[in-house]
PDB file of all heavy atoms in Angstrom:
ATOM      1  N   GLY A   1       0.786  -1.225   0.000  1.00  0.00           N
ATOM      2  CA  GLY A   1       0.000   0.000   0.000  1.00  0.00           C
ATOM      3  C   GLY A   1       0.818   1.274   0.000  1.00  0.00           C
ATOM      4  O   GLY A   1       0.258   2.367   0.042  1.00  0.00           O
ATOM      5  N   ARG A   2       2.146   1.155  -0.053  1.00  0.00           N
ATOM      6  CA  ARG A   2       2.990   2.353  -0.032  1.00  0.00           C
ATOM      7  C   ARG A   2       3.546   2.682  -1.421  1.00  0.00           C
ATOM      8  O   ARG A   2       3.691   3.854  -1.763  1.00  0.00           O
ATOM      9  CB  ARG A   2       4.152   2.156   0.946  1.00  0.00           C
ATOM     10  CG  ARG A   2       5.075   3.365   1.062  1.00  0.00           C
ATOM     11  CD  ARG A   2       6.261   3.097   1.978  1.00  0.00           C
ATOM     12  NE  ARG A   2       5.829   2.779   3.336  1.00  0.00           N
ATOM     13  CZ  ARG A   2       6.665   2.373   4.287  1.00  0.00           C
ATOM     14  NH1 ARG A   2       7.960   2.211   4.027  1.00  0.00           N
ATOM     15  NH2 ARG A   2       6.203   2.103   5.499  1.00  0.00           N
ATOM     16  N   PHE A   3       3.830   1.667  -2.224  1.00  0.00           N
ATOM     17  CA  PHE A   3       4.522   1.880  -3.493  1.00  0.00           C
ATOM     18  C   PHE A   3       3.650   1.451  -4.674  1.00  0.00           C
ATOM     19  O   PHE A   3       2.801   0.576  -4.563  1.00  0.00           O
ATOM     20  CB  PHE A   3       5.829   1.077  -3.528  1.00  0.00           C
ATOM     21  CG  PHE A   3       6.795   1.417  -2.421  1.00  0.00           C
ATOM     22  CD1 PHE A   3       6.874   0.632  -1.277  1.00  0.00           C
ATOM     23  CD2 PHE A   3       7.626   2.519  -2.523  1.00  0.00           C
ATOM     24  CE1 PHE A   3       7.750   0.936  -0.257  1.00  0.00           C
ATOM     25  CE2 PHE A   3       8.510   2.829  -1.508  1.00  0.00           C
ATOM     26  CZ  PHE A   3       8.573   2.042  -0.369  1.00  0.00           C
ATOM     27  N   ALA A   4       3.917   2.067  -5.834  1.00  0.00           N
ATOM     28  CA  ALA A   4       3.326   1.697  -7.131  1.00  0.00           C
ATOM     29  C   ALA A   4       1.808   1.547  -7.066  1.00  0.00           C
ATOM     30  O   ALA A   4       1.265   0.466  -7.321  1.00  0.00           O
ATOM     31  CB  ALA A   4       3.975   0.405  -7.646  1.00  0.00           C
ATOM     32  N   PRO A   5       1.081   2.620  -6.771  1.00  0.00           N
ATOM     33  CA  PRO A   5      -0.371   2.508  -6.586  1.00  0.00           C
ATOM     34  C   PRO A   5      -1.140   2.177  -7.862  1.00  0.00           C
ATOM     35  O   PRO A   5      -2.271   1.693  -7.768  1.00  0.00           O
ATOM     36  CB  PRO A   5      -0.769   3.888  -6.046  1.00  0.00           C
ATOM     37  CG  PRO A   5       0.317   4.815  -6.505  1.00  0.00           C
ATOM     38  CD  PRO A   5       1.565   3.996  -6.498  1.00  0.00           C
ATOM     39  N   GLN A   6      -0.568   2.430  -9.056  1.00  0.00           N
ATOM     40  CA  GLN A   6      -1.311   2.156 -10.287  1.00  0.00           C
ATOM     41  C   GLN A   6      -1.037   0.765 -10.854  1.00  0.00           C
ATOM     42  O   GLN A   6      -1.652   0.373 -11.851  1.00  0.00           O
ATOM     43  CB  GLN A   6      -1.001   3.219 -11.345  1.00  0.00           C
ATOM     44  CG  GLN A   6      -1.514   4.599 -10.968  1.00  0.00           C
ATOM     45  CD  GLN A   6      -1.495   5.544 -12.140  1.00  0.00           C
ATOM     46  OE1 GLN A   6      -2.379   5.505 -13.009  1.00  0.00           O
ATOM     47  NE2 GLN A   6      -0.497   6.408 -12.173  1.00  0.00           N
ATOM     48  N   SER A   7      -0.109   0.035 -10.257  1.00  0.00           N
ATOM     49  CA  SER A   7       0.090  -1.348 -10.681  1.00  0.00           C
ATOM     50  C   SER A   7      -1.066  -2.194 -10.170  1.00  0.00           C
ATOM     51  O   SER A   7      -1.820  -1.782  -9.290  1.00  0.00           O
ATOM     52  CB  SER A   7       1.418  -1.880 -10.133  1.00  0.00           C
ATOM     53  OG  SER A   7       1.382  -1.935  -8.715  1.00  0.00           O
ATOM     54  N   GLY A   8      -1.198  -3.394 -10.726  1.00  0.00           N
ATOM     55  CA  GLY A   8      -2.270  -4.262 -10.242  1.00  0.00           C
ATOM     56  C   GLY A   8      -2.081  -4.647  -8.790  1.00  0.00           C
ATOM     57  O   GLY A   8      -3.023  -4.691  -8.003  1.00  0.00           O
ATOM     58  N   GLY A   9      -0.853  -4.955  -8.414  1.00  0.00           N
ATOM     59  CA  GLY A   9      -0.509  -5.291  -7.038  1.00  0.00           C
ATOM     60  C   GLY A   9       0.962  -5.041  -6.831  1.00  0.00           C
ATOM     61  O   GLY A   9       1.772  -5.263  -7.736  1.00  0.00           O
ATOM     62  N   ALA A  10       1.356  -4.554  -5.667  1.00  0.00           N
ATOM     63  CA  ALA A  10       2.760  -4.220  -5.404  1.00  0.00           C
ATOM     64  C   ALA A  10       3.098  -4.519  -3.960  1.00  0.00           C
ATOM     65  O   ALA A  10       2.293  -4.292  -3.052  1.00  0.00           O
ATOM     66  CB  ALA A  10       3.030  -2.745  -5.712  1.00  0.00           C
ATOM     67  N   VAL A  11       4.319  -5.034  -3.752  1.00  0.00           N
ATOM     68  CA  VAL A  11       4.800  -5.300  -2.408  1.00  0.00           C
ATOM     69  C   VAL A  11       6.291  -5.010  -2.365  1.00  0.00           C
ATOM     70  O   VAL A  11       7.025  -5.301  -3.309  1.00  0.00           O
ATOM     71  CB  VAL A  11       4.520  -6.767  -1.991  1.00  0.00           C
ATOM     72  CG1 VAL A  11       5.175  -7.752  -2.954  1.00  0.00           C
ATOM     73  CG2 VAL A  11       4.999  -7.030  -0.572  1.00  0.00           C
ATOM     74  N   LEU A  12       6.732  -4.386  -1.281  1.00  0.00           N
ATOM     75  CA  LEU A  12       8.156  -4.239  -1.014  1.00  0.00           C
ATOM     76  C   LEU A  12       8.524  -5.336  -0.029  1.00  0.00           C
ATOM     77  O   LEU A  12       8.017  -5.374   1.089  1.00  0.00           O
ATOM     78  CB  LEU A  12       8.476  -2.869  -0.415  1.00  0.00           C
ATOM     79  CG  LEU A  12       9.977  -2.605  -0.191  1.00  0.00           C
ATOM     80  CD1 LEU A  12      10.678  -2.359  -1.532  1.00  0.00           C
ATOM     81  CD2 LEU A  12      10.195  -1.416   0.739  1.00  0.00           C
ATOM     82  N   ILE A  13       9.390  -6.243  -0.458  1.00  0.00           N
ATOM     83  CA  ILE A  13       9.797  -7.357   0.395  1.00  0.00           C
ATOM     84  C   ILE A  13      11.251  -7.144   0.794  1.00  0.00           C
ATOM     85  O   ILE A  13      12.108  -6.888  -0.058  1.00  0.00           O
ATOM     86  CB  ILE A  13       9.567  -8.718  -0.305  1.00  0.00           C
ATOM     87  CG1 ILE A  13       9.956  -9.874   0.616  1.00  0.00           C
ATOM     88  CG2 ILE A  13      10.253  -8.808  -1.638  1.00  0.00           C
ATOM     89  CD1 ILE A  13       9.451 -11.231   0.137  1.00  0.00           C
ATOM     90  N   GLU A  14      11.504  -7.210   2.115  1.00  0.00           N
ATOM     91  CA  GLU A  14      12.822  -6.866   2.644  1.00  0.00           C
ATOM     92  C   GLU A  14      13.335  -7.937   3.590  1.00  0.00           C
ATOM     93  O   GLU A  14      12.562  -8.622   4.262  1.00  0.00           O
ATOM     94  CB  GLU A  14      12.767  -5.547   3.422  1.00  0.00           C
ATOM     95  CG  GLU A  14      12.271  -4.348   2.633  1.00  0.00           C
ATOM     96  CD  GLU A  14      12.062  -3.152   3.531  1.00  0.00           C
ATOM     97  OE1 GLU A  14      13.044  -2.421   3.786  1.00  0.00           O
ATOM     98  OE2 GLU A  14      10.922  -2.964   3.991  1.00  0.00           O
ATOM     99  N   SER A  15      14.660  -8.045   3.618  1.00  0.00           N
ATOM    100  CA  SER A  15      15.337  -8.851   4.626  1.00  0.00           C
ATOM    101  C   SER A  15      16.707  -8.234   4.817  1.00  0.00           C
ATOM    102  O   SER A  15      17.418  -7.982   3.826  1.00  0.00           O
ATOM    103  CB  SER A  15      15.456 -10.314   4.194  1.00  0.00           C
ATOM    104  OG  SER A  15      16.062 -11.091   5.211  1.00  0.00           O
ATOM    105  N   GLY A  16      17.090  -7.971   6.068  1.00  0.00           N
ATOM    106  CA  GLY A  16      18.311  -7.203   6.283  1.00  0.00           C
ATOM    107  C   GLY A  16      18.153  -5.841   5.633  1.00  0.00           C
ATOM    108  O   GLY A  16      17.143  -5.167   5.807  1.00  0.00           O
ATOM    109  N   GLU A  17      19.157  -5.428   4.855  1.00  0.00           N
ATOM    110  CA  GLU A  17      19.074  -4.164   4.119  1.00  0.00           C
ATOM    111  C   GLU A  17      18.829  -4.389   2.632  1.00  0.00           C
ATOM    112  O   GLU A  17      19.027  -3.484   1.822  1.00  0.00           O
ATOM    113  CB  GLU A  17      20.352  -3.349   4.333  1.00  0.00           C
ATOM    114  CG  GLU A  17      20.513  -2.870   5.777  1.00  0.00           C
ATOM    115  CD  GLU A  17      21.714  -1.963   5.946  1.00  0.00           C
ATOM    116  OE1 GLU A  17      22.526  -1.878   5.010  1.00  0.00           O
ATOM    117  OE2 GLU A  17      21.841  -1.345   7.008  1.00  0.00           O
ATOM    118  N   THR A  18      18.414  -5.592   2.283  1.00  0.00           N
ATOM    119  CA  THR A  18      18.034  -5.893   0.898  1.00  0.00           C
ATOM    120  C   THR A  18      16.537  -5.683   0.744  1.00  0.00           C
ATOM    121  O   THR A  18      15.740  -6.203   1.534  1.00  0.00           O
ATOM    122  CB  THR A  18      18.416  -7.331   0.525  1.00  0.00           C
ATOM    123  OG1 THR A  18      19.836  -7.464   0.550  1.00  0.00           O
ATOM    124  CG2 THR A  18      17.910  -7.687  -0.862  1.00  0.00           C
ATOM    125  N   ALA A  19      16.152  -4.901  -0.261  1.00  0.00           N
ATOM    126  CA  ALA A  19      14.743  -4.584  -0.497  1.00  0.00           C
ATOM    127  C   ALA A  19      14.425  -4.739  -1.974  1.00  0.00           C
ATOM    128  O   ALA A  19      15.128  -4.185  -2.828  1.00  0.00           O
ATOM    129  CB  ALA A  19      14.422  -3.159  -0.035  1.00  0.00           C
ATOM    130  N   VAL A  20      13.361  -5.485  -2.275  1.00  0.00           N
ATOM    131  CA  VAL A  20      12.943  -5.719  -3.656  1.00  0.00           C
ATOM    132  C   VAL A  20      11.487  -5.300  -3.801  1.00  0.00           C
ATOM    133  O   VAL A  20      10.621  -5.757  -3.040  1.00  0.00           O
ATOM    134  CB  VAL A  20      13.101  -7.206  -4.040  1.00  0.00           C
ATOM    135  CG1 VAL A  20      12.759  -7.401  -5.521  1.00  0.00           C
ATOM    136  CG2 VAL A  20      14.502  -7.706  -3.748  1.00  0.00           C
ATOM    137  N   LEU A  21      11.220  -4.423  -4.760  1.00  0.00           N
ATOM    138  CA  LEU A  21       9.851  -4.035  -5.088  1.00  0.00           C
ATOM    139  C   LEU A  21       9.346  -4.952  -6.194  1.00  0.00           C
ATOM    140  O   LEU A  21       9.960  -5.031  -7.268  1.00  0.00           O
ATOM    141  CB  LEU A  21       9.799  -2.579  -5.554  1.00  0.00           C
ATOM    142  CG  LEU A  21       8.421  -2.078  -6.007  1.00  0.00           C
ATOM    143  CD1 LEU A  21       7.436  -2.053  -4.849  1.00  0.00           C
ATOM    144  CD2 LEU A  21       8.539  -0.696  -6.651  1.00  0.00           C
ATOM    145  N   VAL A  22       8.244  -5.651  -5.930  1.00  0.00           N
ATOM    146  CA  VAL A  22       7.677  -6.579  -6.913  1.00  0.00           C
ATOM    147  C   VAL A  22       6.268  -6.126  -7.253  1.00  0.00           C
ATOM    148  O   VAL A  22       5.439  -5.908  -6.355  1.00  0.00           O
ATOM    149  CB  VAL A  22       7.659  -8.022  -6.392  1.00  0.00           C
ATOM    150  CG1 VAL A  22       7.277  -8.979  -7.524  1.00  0.00           C
ATOM    151  CG2 VAL A  22       9.003  -8.422  -5.801  1.00  0.00           C
ATOM    152  N   THR A  23       5.998  -5.987  -8.537  1.00  0.00           N
ATOM    153  CA  THR A  23       4.665  -5.592  -8.996  1.00  0.00           C
ATOM    154  C   THR A  23       4.113  -6.624  -9.967  1.00  0.00           C
ATOM    155  O   THR A  23       4.872  -7.317 -10.656  1.00  0.00           O
ATOM    156  CB  THR A  23       4.699  -4.223  -9.704  1.00  0.00           C
ATOM    157  OG1 THR A  23       5.490  -4.341 -10.903  1.00  0.00           O
ATOM    158  CG2 THR A  23       5.296  -3.154  -8.804  1.00  0.00           C
ATOM    159  N   ALA A  24       2.794  -6.721 -10.016  1.00  0.00           N
ATOM    160  CA  ALA A  24       2.115  -7.592 -10.980  1.00  0.00           C
ATOM    161  C   ALA A  24       0.967  -6.808 -11.593  1.00  0.00           C
ATOM    162  O   ALA A  24       0.190  -6.166 -10.878  1.00  0.00           O
ATOM    163  CB  ALA A  24       1.598  -8.853 -10.300  1.00  0.00           C
ATOM    164  N   THR A  25       0.883  -6.868 -12.925  1.00  0.00           N
ATOM    165  CA  THR A  25      -0.150  -6.109 -13.634  1.00  0.00           C
ATOM    166  C   THR A  25      -0.734  -6.984 -14.734  1.00  0.00           C
ATOM    167  O   THR A  25       0.000  -7.704 -15.423  1.00  0.00           O
ATOM    168  CB  THR A  25       0.441  -4.826 -14.244  1.00  0.00           C
ATOM    169  OG1 THR A  25       1.118  -4.091 -13.227  1.00  0.00           O
ATOM    170  CG2 THR A  25      -0.644  -3.964 -14.860  1.00  0.00           C
TER     171      THR A  25
END
């Protein structure tokens, strides 16, 4: 709910200081 509001679905997944933004449209 924080990133990429116009994509179909978006999640920022993090572990340690590694962060990956994944979107599906």
